[in-house]
Amino acid sequence: LWTVRDALAADPDGALAAVAAAGFAAVELAPLPAGLTPGALAAALDRHGLAVTSIHGDLPTGETVGPLSALARACRCPKVVWHGWPRDPRYDSPAGVADLIAACNAAAALARDHGLTLGMHNHWWEFEPVAGEPPIRRLHAGLHPDVFWQLDVYWAQTAGADPAGAAAELGPRVRSVHWKDGPCAHGRPMVALGDGRVDVPGVLAALPHPTDWVIELDECATDPLDAARRSRVYLEGVSG
């Protein structure tokens, strides 16, 4: 829903109807626009036959985990993903990354206590070496095994990494993929899958098992929903 966030804010029911008409069976939740309650969202999702794959948001805390679990119950989705935005200054040093790992593990334990499963979404800085090693490797080694990865292949490639190699290295803990395509350059808009630089077939071949697929275009050079629809058609075609 981040792809259609402007349409969702203007007309939630109309935006979800358009998403369903574009051939999608499910959505990933982003922070809800003002005035849209979890109950109203759940009713609209049901009305248009849309399931929820995951919920993007902040790291769960003692103050936020209650409302987050209520949203998860309303939408029948226990998977929550820390969006990881903006860049945390703890990525500046190995000690900071260790502190971040501890914070994420504490958030994951809190989520588990409320029936939720925590995932981690990457941007580009997790792949930029700190003291000779990309932080994503430290995170992968230090995070609780129940914490899963939502691999954003576009940002991995923008950082100079090979997204197929990242998918293979992170292995079965990759349970969700953020698909987007484009020039893989900061400050330039994204495009439909197949029209940019991302090697989608290569990433698909590297995935160790079925995952959730989320098409998310942060900033798009064309109509975002049409680009998402074209991306879905392309992804289904190359995946067989």
C-alpha atoms as a PDB file:
ATOM      1  CA  LEU A   1       0.000   0.000   0.000  1.00  0.00           C
ATOM      2  CA  TRP A   2       2.993   2.320   0.186  1.00  0.00           C
ATOM      3  CA  THR A   3       2.986   2.335  -3.622  1.00  0.00           C
ATOM      4  CA  VAL A   4      -0.542   3.795  -3.650  1.00  0.00           C
ATOM      5  CA  ARG A   5      -0.253   5.832  -0.455  1.00  0.00           C
ATOM      6  CA  ASP A   6      -1.517   9.072  -2.026  1.00  0.00           C
ATOM      7  CA  ALA A   7      -4.603   7.382  -3.481  1.00  0.00           C
ATOM      8  CA  LEU A   8      -5.182   5.563  -0.188  1.00  0.00           C
ATOM      9  CA  ALA A   9      -5.083   8.822   1.768  1.00  0.00           C
ATOM     10  CA  ALA A  10      -7.547  10.474  -0.637  1.00  0.00           C
ATOM     11  CA  ASP A  11     -10.029   7.599  -0.955  1.00  0.00           C
ATOM     12  CA  PRO A  12      -9.226   4.375   0.932  1.00  0.00           C
ATOM     13  CA  ASP A  13     -12.080   2.317  -0.458  1.00  0.00           C
ATOM     14  CA  GLY A  14     -11.498   3.489  -4.018  1.00  0.00           C
ATOM     15  CA  ALA A  15      -7.766   2.822  -3.766  1.00  0.00           C
ATOM     16  CA  LEU A  16      -8.293  -0.735  -2.504  1.00  0.00           C
ATOM     17  CA  ALA A  17     -10.889  -1.361  -5.215  1.00  0.00           C
ATOM     18  CA  ALA A  18      -8.326  -0.261  -7.807  1.00  0.00           C
ATOM     19  CA  VAL A  19      -5.640  -2.501  -6.302  1.00  0.00           C
ATOM     20  CA  ALA A  20      -7.972  -5.495  -6.502  1.00  0.00           C
ATOM     21  CA  ALA A  21      -8.967  -4.570 -10.068  1.00  0.00           C
ATOM     22  CA  ALA A  22      -5.271  -4.530 -10.987  1.00  0.00           C
ATOM     23  CA  GLY A  23      -5.144  -8.232 -10.170  1.00  0.00           C
ATOM     24  CA  PHE A  24      -3.662  -8.240  -6.700  1.00  0.00           C
ATOM     25  CA  ALA A  25      -4.895 -10.736  -4.126  1.00  0.00           C
ATOM     26  CA  ALA A  26      -3.051  -9.281  -1.140  1.00  0.00           C
ATOM     27  CA  VAL A  27      -1.317  -6.155   0.091  1.00  0.00           C
ATOM     28  CA  GLU A  28       1.349  -5.137   2.556  1.00  0.00           C
ATOM     29  CA  LEU A  29       0.248  -2.477   5.006  1.00  0.00           C
ATOM     30  CA  ALA A  30       2.177   0.747   5.415  1.00  0.00           C
ATOM     31  CA  PRO A  31       1.491   3.349   8.127  1.00  0.00           C
ATOM     32  CA  LEU A  32      -2.190   4.165   7.789  1.00  0.00           C
ATOM     33  CA  PRO A  33      -3.345   7.605   6.644  1.00  0.00           C
ATOM     34  CA  ALA A  34      -4.989   9.810   9.244  1.00  0.00           C
ATOM     35  CA  GLY A  35      -8.572   8.851   9.949  1.00  0.00           C
ATOM     36  CA  LEU A  36      -8.356   5.284   8.628  1.00  0.00           C
ATOM     37  CA  THR A  37      -8.923   2.959  11.594  1.00  0.00           C
ATOM     38  CA  PRO A  38      -7.855  -0.696  11.685  1.00  0.00           C
ATOM     39  CA  GLY A  39     -11.504  -1.765  11.726  1.00  0.00           C
ATOM     40  CA  ALA A  40     -12.410   0.338   8.708  1.00  0.00           C
ATOM     41  CA  LEU A  41      -9.340  -0.868   6.846  1.00  0.00           C
ATOM     42  CA  ALA A  42     -10.102  -4.522   7.617  1.00  0.00           C
ATOM     43  CA  ALA A  43     -13.683  -4.111   6.422  1.00  0.00           C
ATOM     44  CA  ALA A  44     -12.543  -2.492   3.171  1.00  0.00           C
ATOM     45  CA  LEU A  45      -9.944  -5.209   2.584  1.00  0.00           C
ATOM     46  CA  ASP A  46     -12.597  -7.886   3.056  1.00  0.00           C
ATOM     47  CA  ARG A  47     -14.981  -6.016   0.780  1.00  0.00           C
ATOM     48  CA  HIS A  48     -12.446  -6.131  -2.033  1.00  0.00           C
ATOM     49  CA  GLY A  49     -11.131  -9.630  -1.375  1.00  0.00           C
ATOM     50  CA  LEU A  50      -7.658  -8.532  -0.320  1.00  0.00           C
ATOM     51  CA  ALA A  51      -5.562 -10.405   2.237  1.00  0.00           C
ATOM     52  CA  VAL A  52      -2.610  -8.908   4.130  1.00  0.00           C
ATOM     53  CA  THR A  53       0.878 -10.392   3.804  1.00  0.00           C
ATOM     54  CA  SER A  54       2.710  -8.206   6.311  1.00  0.00           C
ATOM     55  CA  ILE A  55       2.586  -4.922   8.191  1.00  0.00           C
ATOM     56  CA  HIS A  56       5.344  -2.306   7.847  1.00  0.00           C
ATOM     57  CA  GLY A  57       6.026  -0.078  10.799  1.00  0.00           C
ATOM     58  CA  ASP A  58       8.370   1.009  13.573  1.00  0.00           C
ATOM     59  CA  LEU A  59      10.116  -1.415  15.896  1.00  0.00           C
ATOM     60  CA  PRO A  60       7.564  -2.611  18.465  1.00  0.00           C
ATOM     61  CA  THR A  61       7.843  -0.983  21.886  1.00  0.00           C
ATOM     62  CA  GLY A  62       5.881  -1.312  25.091  1.00  0.00           C
ATOM     63  CA  GLU A  63       3.764   1.664  24.004  1.00  0.00           C
ATOM     64  CA  THR A  64       3.133   0.585  20.408  1.00  0.00           C
ATOM     65  CA  VAL A  65       2.859  -3.190  20.558  1.00  0.00           C
ATOM     66  CA  GLY A  66      -0.745  -3.083  21.804  1.00  0.00           C
ATOM     67  CA  PRO A  67      -2.109  -1.041  18.879  1.00  0.00           C
ATOM     68  CA  LEU A  68       0.107  -3.016  16.504  1.00  0.00           C
ATOM     69  CA  SER A  69      -1.261  -6.348  17.702  1.00  0.00           C
ATOM     70  CA  ALA A  70      -4.808  -4.974  17.432  1.00  0.00           C
ATOM     71  CA  LEU A  71      -4.137  -4.024  13.800  1.00  0.00           C
ATOM     72  CA  ALA A  72      -2.653  -7.457  13.164  1.00  0.00           C
ATOM     73  CA  ARG A  73      -5.724  -9.168  14.618  1.00  0.00           C
ATOM     74  CA  ALA A  74      -8.100  -6.987  12.614  1.00  0.00           C
ATOM     75  CA  CYS A  75      -6.248  -7.808   9.389  1.00  0.00           C
ATOM     76  CA  ARG A  76      -5.497 -11.441  10.316  1.00  0.00           C
ATOM     77  CA  CYS A  77      -1.761 -11.032   9.739  1.00  0.00           C
ATOM     78  CA  PRO A  78       0.837 -11.734  12.458  1.00  0.00           C
ATOM     79  CA  LYS A  79       3.890 -10.681  10.417  1.00  0.00           C
ATOM     80  CA  VAL A  80       5.234  -7.225  11.195  1.00  0.00           C
ATOM     81  CA  VAL A  81       8.278  -5.749   9.463  1.00  0.00           C
ATOM     82  CA  TRP A  82      10.505  -2.993  10.793  1.00  0.00           C
ATOM     83  CA  HIS A  83      10.809  -0.600   7.874  1.00  0.00           C
ATOM     84  CA  GLY A  84      14.226   0.504   9.119  1.00  0.00           C
ATOM     85  CA  TRP A  85      13.788   4.105   7.998  1.00  0.00           C
ATOM     86  CA  PRO A  86      15.533   6.490   8.373  1.00  0.00           C
ATOM     87  CA  ARG A  87      19.106   5.277   8.673  1.00  0.00           C
ATOM     88  CA  ASP A  88      19.948   4.535  12.294  1.00  0.00           C
ATOM     89  CA  PRO A  89      23.246   6.171  13.378  1.00  0.00           C
ATOM     90  CA  ARG A  90      24.199   2.917  15.092  1.00  0.00           C
ATOM     91  CA  TYR A  91      25.209   1.662  11.637  1.00  0.00           C
ATOM     92  CA  ASP A  92      28.300   3.887  11.962  1.00  0.00           C
ATOM     93  CA  SER A  93      30.289   1.367  14.033  1.00  0.00           C
ATOM     94  CA  PRO A  94      30.446  -2.331  14.942  1.00  0.00           C
ATOM     95  CA  ALA A  95      29.544  -1.440  18.545  1.00  0.00           C
ATOM     96  CA  GLY A  96      26.536   0.479  17.311  1.00  0.00           C
ATOM     97  CA  VAL A  97      25.429  -2.423  15.142  1.00  0.00           C
ATOM     98  CA  ALA A  98      25.725  -4.725  18.162  1.00  0.00           C
ATOM     99  CA  ASP A  99      23.508  -2.354  20.142  1.00  0.00           C
ATOM    100  CA  LEU A 100      21.006  -2.285  17.280  1.00  0.00           C
ATOM    101  CA  ILE A 101      20.940  -6.092  17.183  1.00  0.00           C
ATOM    102  CA  ALA A 102      20.142  -6.164  20.897  1.00  0.00           C
ATOM    103  CA  ALA A 103      17.329  -3.641  20.406  1.00  0.00           C
ATOM    104  CA  CYS A 104      15.863  -5.637  17.521  1.00  0.00           C
ATOM    105  CA  ASN A 105      16.022  -8.873  19.503  1.00  0.00           C
ATOM    106  CA  ALA A 106      14.210  -7.189  22.402  1.00  0.00           C
ATOM    107  CA  ALA A 107      11.552  -5.917  19.989  1.00  0.00           C
ATOM    108  CA  ALA A 108      11.227  -9.399  18.485  1.00  0.00           C
ATOM    109  CA  ALA A 109      10.713 -10.925  21.938  1.00  0.00           C
ATOM    110  CA  LEU A 110       8.036  -8.348  22.715  1.00  0.00           C
ATOM    111  CA  ALA A 111       6.360  -9.098  19.391  1.00  0.00           C
ATOM    112  CA  ARG A 112       6.402 -12.842  20.097  1.00  0.00           C
ATOM    113  CA  ASP A 113       4.772 -12.237  23.468  1.00  0.00           C
ATOM    114  CA  HIS A 114       1.882 -10.617  21.575  1.00  0.00           C
ATOM    115  CA  GLY A 115       1.563 -13.318  18.937  1.00  0.00           C
ATOM    116  CA  LEU A 116       3.543 -11.447  16.278  1.00  0.00           C
ATOM    117  CA  THR A 117       6.604 -12.341  14.188  1.00  0.00           C
ATOM    118  CA  LEU A 118       9.169  -9.633  13.436  1.00  0.00           C
ATOM    119  CA  GLY A 119      10.906  -9.154  10.110  1.00  0.00           C
ATOM    120  CA  MET A 120      13.708  -6.835   9.003  1.00  0.00           C
ATOM    121  CA  HIS A 121      13.629  -4.744   5.821  1.00  0.00           C
ATOM    122  CA  ASN A 122      16.872  -3.472   4.327  1.00  0.00           C
ATOM    123  CA  HIS A 123      17.828  -0.296   2.544  1.00  0.00           C
ATOM    124  CA  TRP A 124      21.290   0.345   1.085  1.00  0.00           C
ATOM    125  CA  TRP A 125      23.268   1.106   4.216  1.00  0.00           C
ATOM    126  CA  GLU A 126      23.042  -2.455   5.546  1.00  0.00           C
ATOM    127  CA  PHE A 127      25.250  -3.435   2.597  1.00  0.00           C
ATOM    128  CA  GLU A 128      27.804  -0.634   2.984  1.00  0.00           C
ATOM    129  CA  PRO A 129      30.856  -2.007   4.877  1.00  0.00           C
ATOM    130  CA  VAL A 130      31.533  -0.892   8.417  1.00  0.00           C
ATOM    131  CA  ALA A 131      34.989  -1.909   9.652  1.00  0.00           C
ATOM    132  CA  GLY A 132      35.341  -4.095   6.579  1.00  0.00           C
ATOM    133  CA  GLU A 133      32.065  -5.991   6.873  1.00  0.00           C
ATOM    134  CA  PRO A 134      28.546  -5.133   5.697  1.00  0.00           C
ATOM    135  CA  PRO A 135      26.247  -4.709   8.710  1.00  0.00           C
ATOM    136  CA  ILE A 136      23.706  -7.097   7.212  1.00  0.00           C
ATOM    137  CA  ARG A 137      26.089  -9.979   7.909  1.00  0.00           C
ATOM    138  CA  ARG A 138      26.430  -8.952  11.548  1.00  0.00           C
ATOM    139  CA  LEU A 139      22.667  -8.616  11.780  1.00  0.00           C
ATOM    140  CA  HIS A 140      22.098 -12.004  10.171  1.00  0.00           C
ATOM    141  CA  ALA A 141      24.487 -13.660  12.627  1.00  0.00           C
ATOM    142  CA  GLY A 142      23.205 -11.859  15.720  1.00  0.00           C
ATOM    143  CA  LEU A 143      19.448 -11.632  15.295  1.00  0.00           C
ATOM    144  CA  HIS A 144      17.211 -14.228  16.929  1.00  0.00           C
ATOM    145  CA  PRO A 145      16.512 -17.085  14.480  1.00  0.00           C
ATOM    146  CA  ASP A 146      12.795 -16.245  14.540  1.00  0.00           C
ATOM    147  CA  VAL A 147      13.477 -12.825  12.997  1.00  0.00           C
ATOM    148  CA  PHE A 148      13.014 -13.072   9.236  1.00  0.00           C
ATOM    149  CA  TRP A 149      14.339 -11.003   6.355  1.00  0.00           C
ATOM    150  CA  GLN A 150      12.336  -8.979   3.923  1.00  0.00           C
ATOM    151  CA  LEU A 151      14.952  -8.511   1.204  1.00  0.00           C
ATOM    152  CA  ASP A 152      14.611  -5.333  -0.821  1.00  0.00           C
ATOM    153  CA  VAL A 153      16.460  -6.307  -3.986  1.00  0.00           C
ATOM    154  CA  TYR A 154      16.508  -2.773  -5.425  1.00  0.00           C
ATOM    155  CA  TRP A 155      18.224  -1.174  -2.454  1.00  0.00           C
ATOM    156  CA  ALA A 156      20.690  -4.053  -2.236  1.00  0.00           C
ATOM    157  CA  GLN A 157      21.714  -3.458  -5.847  1.00  0.00           C
ATOM    158  CA  THR A 158      21.780   0.314  -5.350  1.00  0.00           C
ATOM    159  CA  ALA A 159      24.372  -0.305  -2.622  1.00  0.00           C
ATOM    160  CA  GLY A 160      26.509  -2.206  -5.111  1.00  0.00           C
ATOM    161  CA  ALA A 161      25.600  -5.670  -3.834  1.00  0.00           C
ATOM    162  CA  ASP A 162      24.346  -8.577  -5.911  1.00  0.00           C
ATOM    163  CA  PRO A 163      20.719  -9.122  -4.816  1.00  0.00           C
ATOM    164  CA  ALA A 164      20.749 -12.741  -5.996  1.00  0.00           C
ATOM    165  CA  GLY A 165      23.868 -13.334  -3.916  1.00  0.00           C
ATOM    166  CA  ALA A 166      22.227 -11.644  -0.940  1.00  0.00           C
ATOM    167  CA  ALA A 167      19.161 -13.892  -1.301  1.00  0.00           C
ATOM    168  CA  ALA A 168      21.382 -16.967  -1.359  1.00  0.00           C
ATOM    169  CA  GLU A 169      23.457 -15.805   1.623  1.00  0.00           C
ATOM    170  CA  LEU A 170      20.464 -14.950   3.803  1.00  0.00           C
ATOM    171  CA  GLY A 171      18.905 -18.270   2.851  1.00  0.00           C
ATOM    172  CA  PRO A 172      15.657 -19.582   4.305  1.00  0.00           C
ATOM    173  CA  ARG A 173      15.268 -16.579   6.582  1.00  0.00           C
ATOM    174  CA  VAL A 174      14.261 -14.593   3.489  1.00  0.00           C
ATOM    175  CA  ARG A 175      10.506 -14.919   3.800  1.00  0.00           C
ATOM    176  CA  SER A 176       9.501 -11.791   1.928  1.00  0.00           C
ATOM    177  CA  VAL A 177      10.918  -9.878  -1.035  1.00  0.00           C
ATOM    178  CA  HIS A 178      10.381  -6.239  -1.911  1.00  0.00           C
ATOM    179  CA  TRP A 179      10.400  -6.023  -5.691  1.00  0.00           C
ATOM    180  CA  LYS A 180      11.129  -2.784  -7.463  1.00  0.00           C
ATOM    181  CA  ASP A 181      13.142  -1.854 -10.525  1.00  0.00           C
ATOM    182  CA  GLY A 182      14.795   1.183 -12.023  1.00  0.00           C
ATOM    183  CA  PRO A 183      18.225   2.739 -12.510  1.00  0.00           C
ATOM    184  CA  CYS A 184      19.440   1.707  -9.036  1.00  0.00           C
ATOM    185  CA  ALA A 185      20.631   5.254  -8.437  1.00  0.00           C
ATOM    186  CA  HIS A 186      19.658   7.574  -5.617  1.00  0.00           C
ATOM    187  CA  GLY A 187      17.307  10.385  -6.495  1.00  0.00           C
ATOM    188  CA  ARG A 188      15.966   8.787  -9.680  1.00  0.00           C
ATOM    189  CA  PRO A 189      12.443   7.335  -9.896  1.00  0.00           C
ATOM    190  CA  MET A 190      11.636   3.642 -10.089  1.00  0.00           C
ATOM    191  CA  VAL A 191       9.960   1.814 -12.957  1.00  0.00           C
ATOM    192  CA  ALA A 192       7.990  -1.365 -13.543  1.00  0.00           C
ATOM    193  CA  LEU A 193       9.825  -4.657 -13.107  1.00  0.00           C
ATOM    194  CA  GLY A 194      11.666  -5.636 -16.256  1.00  0.00           C
ATOM    195  CA  ASP A 195      12.239  -2.027 -17.344  1.00  0.00           C
ATOM    196  CA  GLY A 196      15.270  -1.386 -15.126  1.00  0.00           C
ATOM    197  CA  ARG A 197      18.578  -2.874 -14.037  1.00  0.00           C
ATOM    198  CA  VAL A 198      17.469  -5.470 -11.464  1.00  0.00           C
ATOM    199  CA  ASP A 199      18.072  -9.072 -12.554  1.00  0.00           C
ATOM    200  CA  VAL A 200      14.678 -10.404 -11.498  1.00  0.00           C
ATOM    201  CA  PRO A 201      15.140 -13.919 -12.977  1.00  0.00           C
ATOM    202  CA  GLY A 202      18.494 -14.192 -11.185  1.00  0.00           C
ATOM    203  CA  VAL A 203      16.962 -13.293  -7.838  1.00  0.00           C
ATOM    204  CA  LEU A 204      14.113 -15.750  -8.379  1.00  0.00           C
ATOM    205  CA  ALA A 205      16.608 -18.529  -9.102  1.00  0.00           C
ATOM    206  CA  ALA A 206      18.499 -17.717  -5.886  1.00  0.00           C
ATOM    207  CA  LEU A 207      15.492 -17.778  -3.570  1.00  0.00           C
ATOM    208  CA  PRO A 208      15.650 -21.000  -1.543  1.00  0.00           C
ATOM    209  CA  HIS A 209      11.916 -21.446  -1.085  1.00  0.00           C
ATOM    210  CA  PRO A 210       8.609 -19.670  -1.762  1.00  0.00           C
ATOM    211  CA  THR A 211       8.385 -16.201  -0.235  1.00  0.00           C
ATOM    212  CA  ASP A 212       5.885 -13.387  -0.038  1.00  0.00           C
ATOM    213  CA  TRP A 213       6.261 -11.042  -2.990  1.00  0.00           C
ATOM    214  CA  VAL A 214       5.637  -7.353  -2.361  1.00  0.00           C
ATOM    215  CA  ILE A 215       5.788  -4.872  -5.239  1.00  0.00           C
ATOM    216  CA  GLU A 216       6.723  -1.525  -3.731  1.00  0.00           C
ATOM    217  CA  LEU A 217       7.615   1.526  -5.779  1.00  0.00           C
ATOM    218  CA  ASP A 218       8.684   4.348  -3.498  1.00  0.00           C
ATOM    219  CA  GLU A 219       8.803   6.977  -6.241  1.00  0.00           C
ATOM    220  CA  CYS A 220       7.668   6.024  -9.718  1.00  0.00           C
ATOM    221  CA  ALA A 221       8.384   7.520 -13.153  1.00  0.00           C
ATOM    222  CA  THR A 222       4.876   6.530 -14.330  1.00  0.00           C
ATOM    223  CA  ASP A 223       1.467   5.913 -12.760  1.00  0.00           C
ATOM    224  CA  PRO A 224       2.360   3.876  -9.666  1.00  0.00           C
ATOM    225  CA  LEU A 225      -0.556   1.444  -9.722  1.00  0.00           C
ATOM    226  CA  ASP A 226      -0.155   0.756 -13.434  1.00  0.00           C
ATOM    227  CA  ALA A 227       3.573   0.164 -12.894  1.00  0.00           C
ATOM    228  CA  ALA A 228       2.710  -2.202 -10.038  1.00  0.00           C
ATOM    229  CA  ARG A 229       0.239  -4.065 -12.246  1.00  0.00           C
ATOM    230  CA  ARG A 230       2.806  -4.380 -15.034  1.00  0.00           C
ATOM    231  CA  SER A 231       5.336  -5.561 -12.459  1.00  0.00           C
ATOM    232  CA  ARG A 232       2.956  -8.259 -11.254  1.00  0.00           C
ATOM    233  CA  VAL A 233       2.361  -9.498 -14.798  1.00  0.00           C
ATOM    234  CA  TYR A 234       6.105  -9.534 -15.521  1.00  0.00           C
ATOM    235  CA  LEU A 235       6.959 -11.282 -12.255  1.00  0.00           C
ATOM    236  CA  GLU A 236       4.345 -13.960 -12.784  1.00  0.00           C
ATOM    237  CA  GLY A 237       5.554 -14.460 -16.342  1.00  0.00           C
ATOM    238  CA  VAL A 238       9.253 -14.897 -15.567  1.00  0.00           C
ATOM    239  CA  SER A 239       8.547 -17.052 -12.523  1.00  0.00           C
ATOM    240  CA  GLY A 240       6.315 -19.474 -14.437  1.00  0.00           C
END
